[in-house]
C-alpha atoms as a PDB file:
ATOM      1  CA  MET A   1       7.136  -2.729  30.968  1.00  0.00           C
ATOM      2  CA  LEU A   2       4.031  -3.352  29.851  1.00  0.00           C
ATOM      3  CA  ASN A   3       3.985  -5.709  26.895  1.00  0.00           C
ATOM      4  CA  MET A   4       1.119  -5.441  24.321  1.00  0.00           C
ATOM      5  CA  GLU A   5       0.619  -7.384  21.178  1.00  0.00           C
ATOM      6  CA  LEU A   6      -0.768  -5.958  18.032  1.00  0.00           C
ATOM      7  CA  ILE A   7      -2.701  -7.766  15.357  1.00  0.00           C
ATOM      8  CA  ILE A   8      -3.136  -6.280  12.123  1.00  0.00           C
ATOM      9  CA  ASP A   9      -5.837  -7.348   9.027  1.00  0.00           C
ATOM     10  CA  PHE A  10      -4.618  -6.513   6.626  1.00  0.00           C
ATOM     11  CA  ASP A  11      -7.279  -7.737   4.385  1.00  0.00           C
ATOM     12  CA  LYS A  12      -9.635  -4.753   6.058  1.00  0.00           C
ATOM     13  CA  ILE A  13      -7.183  -2.027   4.781  1.00  0.00           C
ATOM     14  CA  LYS A  14      -8.797  -1.990   1.401  1.00  0.00           C
ATOM     15  CA  ASP A  15      -6.519   1.474  -0.095  1.00  0.00           C
ATOM     16  CA  PRO A  16      -3.060   0.660  -0.561  1.00  0.00           C
ATOM     17  CA  GLY A  17      -1.682   3.585   0.491  1.00  0.00           C
ATOM     18  CA  LYS A  18      -3.266   3.376   4.069  1.00  0.00           C
ATOM     19  CA  LYS A  19      -1.554   0.003   4.377  1.00  0.00           C
ATOM     20  CA  GLU A  20       2.022   1.303   3.016  1.00  0.00           C
ATOM     21  CA  TRP A  21       1.708   4.251   5.734  1.00  0.00           C
ATOM     22  CA  LEU A  22       1.018   2.233   8.224  1.00  0.00           C
ATOM     23  CA  LEU A  23       3.583  -0.278   7.907  1.00  0.00           C
ATOM     24  CA  HIS A  24       5.973   2.411   7.189  1.00  0.00           C
ATOM     25  CA  THR A  25       4.773   4.674  10.879  1.00  0.00           C
ATOM     26  CA  LEU A  26       4.699   1.429  12.844  1.00  0.00           C
ATOM     27  CA  LYS A  27       8.454   0.650  11.737  1.00  0.00           C
ATOM     28  CA  LEU A  28       9.851   4.597  11.845  1.00  0.00           C
ATOM     29  CA  MET A  29       8.078   4.396  15.590  1.00  0.00           C
ATOM     30  CA  GLY A  30       9.617   1.170  16.795  1.00  0.00           C
ATOM     31  CA  ILE A  31       6.552  -0.718  17.190  1.00  0.00           C
ATOM     32  CA  SER A  32       6.330  -4.165  16.459  1.00  0.00           C
ATOM     33  CA  PHE A  33       3.198  -5.903  15.111  1.00  0.00           C
ATOM     34  CA  GLN A  34       1.991  -8.999  13.882  1.00  0.00           C
ATOM     35  CA  ALA A  35       0.506  -8.921  10.875  1.00  0.00           C
ATOM     36  CA  THR A  36      -2.167 -11.323   8.916  1.00  0.00           C
ATOM     37  CA  GLU A  37      -3.394 -11.302   5.555  1.00  0.00           C
ATOM     38  CA  LYS A  38      -4.701 -14.131   2.818  1.00  0.00           C
ATOM     39  CA  PRO A  39      -3.307 -14.595  -0.370  1.00  0.00           C
ATOM     40  CA  GLN A  40      -4.831 -12.884  -3.051  1.00  0.00           C
ATOM     41  CA  THR A  41      -7.408 -14.954  -4.895  1.00  0.00           C
ATOM     42  CA  ILE A  42      -6.633 -14.961  -9.085  1.00  0.00           C
ATOM     43  CA  ALA A  43     -10.415 -12.998  -9.315  1.00  0.00           C
ATOM     44  CA  GLN A  44      -8.977 -10.107  -6.573  1.00  0.00           C
ATOM     45  CA  TYR A  45      -5.734  -9.761  -8.690  1.00  0.00           C
ATOM     46  CA  ASN A  46      -7.253  -9.246 -12.159  1.00  0.00           C
ATOM     47  CA  GLU A  47      -9.260  -7.200 -10.752  1.00  0.00           C
ATOM     48  CA  ASP A  48      -6.242  -4.982  -9.762  1.00  0.00           C
ATOM     49  CA  LEU A  49      -4.834  -5.634 -13.522  1.00  0.00           C
ATOM     50  CA  GLU A  50      -8.520  -4.369 -14.806  1.00  0.00           C
ATOM     51  CA  ALA A  51      -8.661  -1.114 -12.163  1.00  0.00           C
ATOM     52  CA  GLY A  52      -5.404  -0.333 -13.190  1.00  0.00           C
ATOM     53  CA  ASN A  53      -5.327  -0.404 -16.538  1.00  0.00           C
ATOM     54  CA  ALA A  54      -8.388   1.781 -16.750  1.00  0.00           C
ATOM     55  CA  GLU A  55      -6.465   4.346 -14.134  1.00  0.00           C
ATOM     56  CA  ILE A  56      -3.897   4.406 -16.795  1.00  0.00           C
ATOM     57  CA  GLU A  57      -6.115   4.764 -19.984  1.00  0.00           C
ATOM     58  CA  SER A  58      -8.148   7.502 -17.958  1.00  0.00           C
ATOM     59  CA  GLY A  59      -4.736   9.458 -18.115  1.00  0.00           C
ATOM     60  CA  HIS A  60      -4.487   8.718 -14.079  1.00  0.00           C
ATOM     61  CA  PHE A  61      -0.322   8.196 -14.045  1.00  0.00           C
ATOM     62  CA  ILE A  62       2.769  10.173 -14.169  1.00  0.00           C
ATOM     63  CA  THR A  63       6.126   9.078 -16.198  1.00  0.00           C
ATOM     64  CA  ALA A  64       9.630   8.830 -15.286  1.00  0.00           C
ATOM     65  CA  GLU A  65      10.401  11.480 -16.766  1.00  0.00           C
ATOM     66  CA  ASP A  66       8.032  13.405 -14.386  1.00  0.00           C
ATOM     67  CA  LEU A  67       8.592  11.974 -11.355  1.00  0.00           C
ATOM     68  CA  LYS A  68      12.224  12.758 -11.695  1.00  0.00           C
ATOM     69  CA  ILE A  69      11.219  16.534 -12.312  1.00  0.00           C
ATOM     70  CA  GLU A  70       8.810  15.898  -9.340  1.00  0.00           C
ATOM     71  CA  ALA A  71      11.621  14.085  -7.113  1.00  0.00           C
ATOM     72  CA  CYS A  72      13.972  17.065  -7.585  1.00  0.00           C
ATOM     73  CA  LYS A  73      11.506  19.792  -6.127  1.00  0.00           C
ATOM     74  CA  TRP A  74      11.511  17.816  -2.788  1.00  0.00           C
END
């Protein structure tokens, strides 16, 4: 049996959706991995908050009611 170690540097994956997809896929496939990730700085945290607020202010969000309706279609 071949043993391989998979080390993922999550700091290099900028898209949170891709990061989440990768984690779910690896877990689903039963692939063990070791994650390395540096703590987020306060400046990065504030940038994320500002980006999120900008998305909301520009209308890029979904309400809880709309989400329930969409989920029923699945």
